[in-house]
Amino acid sequence: MPTYNFLNTKTNNEFSEFFSTYEASVKYLEDNPEIQKLLTTASFIGGRTIEGGKLPSGFRDQLKLIKQKHPRGKGVDHLI
């Protein structure tokens, strides 16, 4: 379910809104002409955190299996 970032051009206030569908966000913009959608990048859920920097052990096991099946592949080397 996406969250979109908007700018109210009258108040210059940036805010986020959650919508169940893209069509709902389009309808919201049509109903509120003073609101502009801001261009943002997607947020991804990563396996590493800034605090710990460690991957769950079960996930690491799966990465090792991938490396065994594809020894010349370099895509998971930095995670193992």
PDB file of N, CA and C in Angstrom:
ATOM      1  N   MET A   1       0.833  -1.165   0.000  1.00  0.00           N
ATOM      2  CA  MET A   1       0.000   0.000   0.000  1.00  0.00           C
ATOM      3  C   MET A   1       0.888   1.242   0.000  1.00  0.00           C
ATOM      4  N   PRO A   2       0.735   2.076  -0.985  1.00  0.00           N
ATOM      5  CA  PRO A   2       1.662   3.199  -1.135  1.00  0.00           C
ATOM      6  C   PRO A   2       1.337   4.402  -0.256  1.00  0.00           C
ATOM      7  N   THR A   3       2.375   5.092   0.121  1.00  0.00           N
ATOM      8  CA  THR A   3       2.281   6.385   0.775  1.00  0.00           C
ATOM      9  C   THR A   3       2.890   7.399  -0.178  1.00  0.00           C
ATOM     10  N   TYR A   4       2.175   8.478  -0.410  1.00  0.00           N
ATOM     11  CA  TYR A   4       2.634   9.504  -1.346  1.00  0.00           C
ATOM     12  C   TYR A   4       2.975  10.773  -0.582  1.00  0.00           C
ATOM     13  N   ASN A   5       3.967  11.501  -1.085  1.00  0.00           N
ATOM     14  CA  ASN A   5       4.367  12.781  -0.511  1.00  0.00           C
ATOM     15  C   ASN A   5       3.779  13.895  -1.353  1.00  0.00           C
ATOM     16  N   PHE A   6       3.233  14.906  -0.657  1.00  0.00           N
ATOM     17  CA  PHE A   6       2.564  16.009  -1.320  1.00  0.00           C
ATOM     18  C   PHE A   6       3.079  17.341  -0.801  1.00  0.00           C
ATOM     19  N   LEU A   7       2.790  18.373  -1.579  1.00  0.00           N
ATOM     20  CA  LEU A   7       3.099  19.740  -1.200  1.00  0.00           C
ATOM     21  C   LEU A   7       1.843  20.577  -1.376  1.00  0.00           C
ATOM     22  N   ASN A   8       1.456  21.300  -0.324  1.00  0.00           N
ATOM     23  CA  ASN A   8       0.359  22.249  -0.416  1.00  0.00           C
ATOM     24  C   ASN A   8       0.971  23.558  -0.904  1.00  0.00           C
ATOM     25  N   THR A   9       0.630  23.958  -2.128  1.00  0.00           N
ATOM     26  CA  THR A   9       1.255  25.141  -2.736  1.00  0.00           C
ATOM     27  C   THR A   9       0.812  26.440  -2.075  1.00  0.00           C
ATOM     28  N   LYS A  10      -0.327  26.443  -1.374  1.00  0.00           N
ATOM     29  CA  LYS A  10      -0.778  27.653  -0.679  1.00  0.00           C
ATOM     30  C   LYS A  10      -0.002  27.885   0.612  1.00  0.00           C
ATOM     31  N   THR A  11       0.251  26.811   1.352  1.00  0.00           N
ATOM     32  CA  THR A  11       0.916  26.945   2.650  1.00  0.00           C
ATOM     33  C   THR A  11       2.382  26.534   2.606  1.00  0.00           C
ATOM     34  N   ASN A  12       2.822  25.957   1.479  1.00  0.00           N
ATOM     35  CA  ASN A  12       4.184  25.445   1.307  1.00  0.00           C
ATOM     36  C   ASN A  12       4.503  24.354   2.338  1.00  0.00           C
ATOM     37  N   ASN A  13       3.488  23.588   2.697  1.00  0.00           N
ATOM     38  CA  ASN A  13       3.615  22.516   3.684  1.00  0.00           C
ATOM     39  C   ASN A  13       3.747  21.168   2.976  1.00  0.00           C
ATOM     40  N   GLU A  14       4.788  20.413   3.315  1.00  0.00           N
ATOM     41  CA  GLU A  14       4.961  19.067   2.774  1.00  0.00           C
ATOM     42  C   GLU A  14       4.358  18.073   3.747  1.00  0.00           C
ATOM     43  N   PHE A  15       3.683  17.044   3.207  1.00  0.00           N
ATOM     44  CA  PHE A  15       3.070  16.025   4.049  1.00  0.00           C
ATOM     45  C   PHE A  15       2.934  14.731   3.271  1.00  0.00           C
ATOM     46  N   SER A  16       2.680  13.649   4.008  1.00  0.00           N
ATOM     47  CA  SER A  16       2.504  12.333   3.409  1.00  0.00           C
ATOM     48  C   SER A  16       1.084  11.855   3.646  1.00  0.00           C
ATOM     49  N   GLU A  17       0.554  11.126   2.684  1.00  0.00           N
ATOM     50  CA  GLU A  17      -0.778  10.535   2.799  1.00  0.00           C
ATOM     51  C   GLU A  17      -0.719   9.097   2.317  1.00  0.00           C
ATOM     52  N   PHE A  18      -1.489   8.253   2.959  1.00  0.00           N
ATOM     53  CA  PHE A  18      -1.588   6.849   2.596  1.00  0.00           C
ATOM     54  C   PHE A  18      -2.849   6.647   1.759  1.00  0.00           C
ATOM     55  N   PHE A  19      -2.721   5.939   0.638  1.00  0.00           N
ATOM     56  CA  PHE A  19      -3.866   5.617  -0.204  1.00  0.00           C
ATOM     57  C   PHE A  19      -3.865   4.130  -0.509  1.00  0.00           C
ATOM     58  N   SER A  20      -5.056   3.567  -0.598  1.00  0.00           N
ATOM     59  CA  SER A  20      -5.152   2.135  -0.874  1.00  0.00           C
ATOM     60  C   SER A  20      -4.894   1.829  -2.349  1.00  0.00           C
ATOM     61  N   THR A  21      -5.128   2.807  -3.231  1.00  0.00           N
ATOM     62  CA  THR A  21      -4.883   2.599  -4.656  1.00  0.00           C
ATOM     63  C   THR A  21      -4.301   3.865  -5.277  1.00  0.00           C
ATOM     64  N   TYR A  22      -3.682   3.696  -6.417  1.00  0.00           N
ATOM     65  CA  TYR A  22      -3.167   4.840  -7.164  1.00  0.00           C
ATOM     66  C   TYR A  22      -4.320   5.732  -7.617  1.00  0.00           C
ATOM     67  N   GLU A  23      -5.432   5.110  -8.026  1.00  0.00           N
ATOM     68  CA  GLU A  23      -6.596   5.864  -8.488  1.00  0.00           C
ATOM     69  C   GLU A  23      -7.140   6.781  -7.395  1.00  0.00           C
ATOM     70  N   ALA A  24      -7.071   6.327  -6.137  1.00  0.00           N
ATOM     71  CA  ALA A  24      -7.515   7.160  -5.023  1.00  0.00           C
ATOM     72  C   ALA A  24      -6.631   8.392  -4.879  1.00  0.00           C
ATOM     73  N   SER A  25      -5.331   8.241  -5.120  1.00  0.00           N
ATOM     74  CA  SER A  25      -4.436   9.398  -5.030  1.00  0.00           C
ATOM     75  C   SER A  25      -4.699  10.385  -6.164  1.00  0.00           C
ATOM     76  N   VAL A  26      -5.012   9.870  -7.353  1.00  0.00           N
ATOM     77  CA  VAL A  26      -5.331  10.742  -8.491  1.00  0.00           C
ATOM     78  C   VAL A  26      -6.605  11.525  -8.196  1.00  0.00           C
ATOM     79  N   LYS A  27      -7.605  10.854  -7.633  1.00  0.00           N
ATOM     80  CA  LYS A  27      -8.871  11.514  -7.274  1.00  0.00           C
ATOM     81  C   LYS A  27      -8.624  12.602  -6.235  1.00  0.00           C
ATOM     82  N   TYR A  28      -7.763  12.317  -5.269  1.00  0.00           N
ATOM     83  CA  TYR A  28      -7.409  13.292  -4.239  1.00  0.00           C
ATOM     84  C   TYR A  28      -6.803  14.544  -4.864  1.00  0.00           C
ATOM     85  N   LEU A  29      -5.911  14.363  -5.838  1.00  0.00           N
ATOM     86  CA  LEU A  29      -5.288  15.508  -6.511  1.00  0.00           C
ATOM     87  C   LEU A  29      -6.304  16.288  -7.336  1.00  0.00           C
ATOM     88  N   GLU A  30      -7.241  15.592  -7.952  1.00  0.00           N
ATOM     89  CA  GLU A  30      -8.288  16.280  -8.720  1.00  0.00           C
ATOM     90  C   GLU A  30      -9.182  17.114  -7.810  1.00  0.00           C
ATOM     91  N   ASP A  31      -9.484  16.579  -6.627  1.00  0.00           N
ATOM     92  CA  ASP A  31     -10.353  17.276  -5.682  1.00  0.00           C
ATOM     93  C   ASP A  31      -9.653  18.411  -4.943  1.00  0.00           C
ATOM     94  N   ASN A  32      -8.328  18.415  -4.952  1.00  0.00           N
ATOM     95  CA  ASN A  32      -7.543  19.420  -4.232  1.00  0.00           C
ATOM     96  C   ASN A  32      -6.497  20.028  -5.165  1.00  0.00           C
ATOM     97  N   PRO A  33      -6.891  21.014  -5.977  1.00  0.00           N
ATOM     98  CA  PRO A  33      -5.963  21.565  -6.982  1.00  0.00           C
ATOM     99  C   PRO A  33      -4.750  22.286  -6.384  1.00  0.00           C
ATOM    100  N   GLU A  34      -4.809  22.667  -5.111  1.00  0.00           N
ATOM    101  CA  GLU A  34      -3.668  23.343  -4.488  1.00  0.00           C
ATOM    102  C   GLU A  34      -2.600  22.356  -4.023  1.00  0.00           C
ATOM    103  N   ILE A  35      -2.863  21.052  -4.163  1.00  0.00           N
ATOM    104  CA  ILE A  35      -1.927  20.018  -3.737  1.00  0.00           C
ATOM    105  C   ILE A  35      -1.162  19.485  -4.943  1.00  0.00           C
ATOM    106  N   GLN A  36       0.159  19.373  -4.793  1.00  0.00           N
ATOM    107  CA  GLN A  36       1.021  18.795  -5.822  1.00  0.00           C
ATOM    108  C   GLN A  36       1.668  17.534  -5.268  1.00  0.00           C
ATOM    109  N   LYS A  37       1.779  16.533  -6.102  1.00  0.00           N
ATOM    110  CA  LYS A  37       2.476  15.305  -5.711  1.00  0.00           C
ATOM    111  C   LYS A  37       3.969  15.538  -5.896  1.00  0.00           C
ATOM    112  N   LEU A  38       4.756  15.167  -4.886  1.00  0.00           N
ATOM    113  CA  LEU A  38       6.199  15.318  -4.956  1.00  0.00           C
ATOM    114  C   LEU A  38       6.828  14.051  -5.512  1.00  0.00           C
ATOM    115  N   LEU A  39       7.875  14.228  -6.269  1.00  0.00           N
ATOM    116  CA  LEU A  39       8.617  13.105  -6.812  1.00  0.00           C
ATOM    117  C   LEU A  39       9.564  12.583  -5.736  1.00  0.00           C
ATOM    118  N   THR A  40       9.403  11.319  -5.378  1.00  0.00           N
ATOM    119  CA  THR A  40      10.244  10.706  -4.363  1.00  0.00           C
ATOM    120  C   THR A  40      10.698   9.337  -4.835  1.00  0.00           C
ATOM    121  N   THR A  41      11.670   8.800  -4.153  1.00  0.00           N
ATOM    122  CA  THR A  41      12.133   7.450  -4.460  1.00  0.00           C
ATOM    123  C   THR A  41      11.418   6.451  -3.564  1.00  0.00           C
ATOM    124  N   ALA A  42      11.386   5.237  -3.991  1.00  0.00           N
ATOM    125  CA  ALA A  42      10.741   4.190  -3.207  1.00  0.00           C
ATOM    126  C   ALA A  42      11.594   3.826  -2.007  1.00  0.00           C
ATOM    127  N   SER A  43      10.929   3.444  -0.947  1.00  0.00           N
ATOM    128  CA  SER A  43      11.616   2.944   0.228  1.00  0.00           C
ATOM    129  C   SER A  43      11.581   1.430   0.199  1.00  0.00           C
ATOM    130  N   PHE A  44      12.700   0.834   0.503  1.00  0.00           N
ATOM    131  CA  PHE A  44      12.789  -0.611   0.497  1.00  0.00           C
ATOM    132  C   PHE A  44      13.112  -1.106   1.895  1.00  0.00           C
ATOM    133  N   ILE A  45      12.623  -2.276   2.194  1.00  0.00           N
ATOM    134  CA  ILE A  45      12.947  -2.905   3.460  1.00  0.00           C
ATOM    135  C   ILE A  45      14.206  -3.720   3.241  1.00  0.00           C
ATOM    136  N   GLY A  46      15.231  -3.400   3.946  1.00  0.00           N
ATOM    137  CA  GLY A  46      16.497  -4.087   3.766  1.00  0.00           C
ATOM    138  C   GLY A  46      16.767  -5.076   4.880  1.00  0.00           C
ATOM    139  N   GLY A  47      17.649  -5.989   4.627  1.00  0.00           N
ATOM    140  CA  GLY A  47      18.010  -6.972   5.623  1.00  0.00           C
ATOM    141  C   GLY A  47      19.027  -6.461   6.625  1.00  0.00           C
ATOM    142  N   ARG A  48      19.691  -5.396   6.288  1.00  0.00           N
ATOM    143  CA  ARG A  48      20.700  -4.839   7.180  1.00  0.00           C
ATOM    144  C   ARG A  48      20.171  -3.561   7.808  1.00  0.00           C
ATOM    145  N   THR A  49      20.600  -3.315   9.013  1.00  0.00           N
ATOM    146  CA  THR A  49      20.232  -2.080   9.671  1.00  0.00           C
ATOM    147  C   THR A  49      21.491  -1.246   9.872  1.00  0.00           C
ATOM    148  N   ILE A  50      21.304   0.013  10.056  1.00  0.00           N
ATOM    149  CA  ILE A  50      22.440   0.893  10.306  1.00  0.00           C
ATOM    150  C   ILE A  50      23.059   0.563  11.662  1.00  0.00           C
ATOM    151  N   GLU A  51      22.196   0.211  12.629  1.00  0.00           N
ATOM    152  CA  GLU A  51      22.681  -0.065  13.977  1.00  0.00           C
ATOM    153  C   GLU A  51      23.518  -1.346  14.029  1.00  0.00           C
ATOM    154  N   GLY A  52      22.967  -2.445  13.546  1.00  0.00           N
ATOM    155  CA  GLY A  52      23.628  -3.728  13.712  1.00  0.00           C
ATOM    156  C   GLY A  52      24.451  -4.161  12.519  1.00  0.00           C
ATOM    157  N   GLY A  53      23.959  -3.930  11.331  1.00  0.00           N
ATOM    158  CA  GLY A  53      24.663  -4.319  10.132  1.00  0.00           C
ATOM    159  C   GLY A  53      24.704  -5.817   9.911  1.00  0.00           C
ATOM    160  N   LYS A  54      23.833  -6.575  10.595  1.00  0.00           N
ATOM    161  CA  LYS A  54      23.861  -8.024  10.474  1.00  0.00           C
ATOM    162  C   LYS A  54      22.567  -8.530   9.839  1.00  0.00           C
ATOM    163  N   LEU A  55      22.706  -9.570   9.065  1.00  0.00           N
ATOM    164  CA  LEU A  55      21.560 -10.226   8.457  1.00  0.00           C
ATOM    165  C   LEU A  55      21.092 -11.362   9.352  1.00  0.00           C
ATOM    166  N   PRO A  56      19.803 -11.690   9.311  1.00  0.00           N
ATOM    167  CA  PRO A  56      19.327 -12.844  10.071  1.00  0.00           C
ATOM    168  C   PRO A  56      20.049 -14.117   9.614  1.00  0.00           C
ATOM    169  N   SER A  57      20.331 -15.033  10.535  1.00  0.00           N
ATOM    170  CA  SER A  57      21.114 -16.219  10.211  1.00  0.00           C
ATOM    171  C   SER A  57      20.424 -17.081   9.158  1.00  0.00           C
ATOM    172  N   GLY A  58      19.117 -17.230   9.193  1.00  0.00           N
ATOM    173  CA  GLY A  58      18.407 -18.022   8.196  1.00  0.00           C
ATOM    174  C   GLY A  58      18.555 -17.453   6.799  1.00  0.00           C
ATOM    175  N   PHE A  59      18.569 -16.149   6.701  1.00  0.00           N
ATOM    176  CA  PHE A  59      18.732 -15.495   5.414  1.00  0.00           C
ATOM    177  C   PHE A  59      20.157 -15.702   4.894  1.00  0.00           C
ATOM    178  N   ARG A  60      21.104 -15.614   5.802  1.00  0.00           N
ATOM    179  CA  ARG A  60      22.506 -15.841   5.404  1.00  0.00           C
ATOM    180  C   ARG A  60      22.691 -17.263   4.881  1.00  0.00           C
ATOM    181  N   ASP A  61      22.018 -18.238   5.503  1.00  0.00           N
ATOM    182  CA  ASP A  61      22.105 -19.627   5.039  1.00  0.00           C
ATOM    183  C   ASP A  61      21.599 -19.743   3.602  1.00  0.00           C
ATOM    184  N   GLN A  62      20.511 -19.051   3.313  1.00  0.00           N
ATOM    185  CA  GLN A  62      19.965 -19.079   1.955  1.00  0.00           C
ATOM    186  C   GLN A  62      20.934 -18.446   0.961  1.00  0.00           C
ATOM    187  N   LEU A  63      21.589 -17.376   1.364  1.00  0.00           N
ATOM    188  CA  LEU A  63      22.576 -16.736   0.491  1.00  0.00           C
ATOM    189  C   LEU A  63      23.749 -17.669   0.205  1.00  0.00           C
ATOM    190  N   LYS A  64      24.157 -18.425   1.214  1.00  0.00           N
ATOM    191  CA  LYS A  64      25.252 -19.387   1.017  1.00  0.00           C
ATOM    192  C   LYS A  64      24.850 -20.485   0.041  1.00  0.00           C
ATOM    193  N   LEU A  65      23.588 -20.926   0.108  1.00  0.00           N
ATOM    194  CA  LEU A  65      23.100 -21.924  -0.841  1.00  0.00           C
ATOM    195  C   LEU A  65      23.094 -21.368  -2.264  1.00  0.00           C
ATOM    196  N   ILE A  66      22.706 -20.116  -2.399  1.00  0.00           N
ATOM    197  CA  ILE A  66      22.716 -19.467  -3.714  1.00  0.00           C
ATOM    198  C   ILE A  66      24.152 -19.439  -4.246  1.00  0.00           C
ATOM    199  N   LYS A  67      25.100 -19.089  -3.382  1.00  0.00           N
ATOM    200  CA  LYS A  67      26.505 -19.010  -3.791  1.00  0.00           C
ATOM    201  C   LYS A  67      27.043 -20.384  -4.192  1.00  0.00           C
ATOM    202  N   GLN A  68      26.609 -21.444  -3.497  1.00  0.00           N
ATOM    203  CA  GLN A  68      27.044 -22.791  -3.855  1.00  0.00           C
ATOM    204  C   GLN A  68      26.537 -23.194  -5.233  1.00  0.00           C
ATOM    205  N   LYS A  69      25.297 -22.825  -5.544  1.00  0.00           N
ATOM    206  CA  LYS A  69      24.712 -23.189  -6.833  1.00  0.00           C
ATOM    207  C   LYS A  69      25.247 -22.333  -7.971  1.00  0.00           C
ATOM    208  N   HIS A  70      25.687 -21.121  -7.645  1.00  0.00           N
ATOM    209  CA  HIS A  70      26.186 -20.188  -8.666  1.00  0.00           C
ATOM    210  C   HIS A  70      27.523 -19.604  -8.192  1.00  0.00           C
ATOM    211  N   PRO A  71      28.582 -20.415  -8.198  1.00  0.00           N
ATOM    212  CA  PRO A  71      29.852 -19.976  -7.608  1.00  0.00           C
ATOM    213  C   PRO A  71      30.492 -18.785  -8.313  1.00  0.00           C
ATOM    214  N   ARG A  72      30.218 -18.596  -9.599  1.00  0.00           N
ATOM    215  CA  ARG A  72      30.832 -17.464 -10.312  1.00  0.00           C
ATOM    216  C   ARG A  72      30.030 -16.185 -10.172  1.00  0.00           C
ATOM    217  N   GLY A  73      28.814 -16.291  -9.647  1.00  0.00           N
ATOM    218  CA  GLY A  73      27.974 -15.103  -9.447  1.00  0.00           C
ATOM    219  C   GLY A  73      28.512 -14.233  -8.323  1.00  0.00           C
ATOM    220  N   LYS A  74      28.459 -12.941  -8.517  1.00  0.00           N
ATOM    221  CA  LYS A  74      28.992 -11.995  -7.525  1.00  0.00           C
ATOM    222  C   LYS A  74      27.899 -11.222  -6.793  1.00  0.00           C
ATOM    223  N   GLY A  75      26.638 -11.517  -7.091  1.00  0.00           N
ATOM    224  CA  GLY A  75      25.529 -10.710  -6.555  1.00  0.00           C
ATOM    225  C   GLY A  75      25.323 -10.772  -5.069  1.00  0.00           C
ATOM    226  N   VAL A  76      25.737 -11.860  -4.414  1.00  0.00           N
ATOM    227  CA  VAL A  76      25.503 -11.992  -2.981  1.00  0.00           C
ATOM    228  C   VAL A  76      26.793 -11.952  -2.163  1.00  0.00           C
ATOM    229  N   ASP A  77      27.917 -11.795  -2.814  1.00  0.00           N
ATOM    230  CA  ASP A  77      29.209 -11.830  -2.104  1.00  0.00           C
ATOM    231  C   ASP A  77      29.288 -10.800  -0.978  1.00  0.00           C
ATOM    232  N   HIS A  78      28.776  -9.618  -1.198  1.00  0.00           N
ATOM    233  CA  HIS A  78      28.885  -8.571  -0.198  1.00  0.00           C
ATOM    234  C   HIS A  78      27.963  -8.791   1.000  1.00  0.00           C
ATOM    235  N   LEU A  79      27.016  -9.735   0.889  1.00  0.00           N
ATOM    236  CA  LEU A  79      26.079  -9.987   1.974  1.00  0.00           C
ATOM    237  C   LEU A  79      26.470 -11.175   2.852  1.00  0.00           C
ATOM    238  N   ILE A  80      27.342 -12.041   2.323  1.00  0.00           N
ATOM    239  CA  ILE A  80      27.686 -13.261   3.067  1.00  0.00           C
ATOM    240  C   ILE A  80      28.742 -12.972   4.108  1.00  0.00           C
TER     241      ILE A  80
END
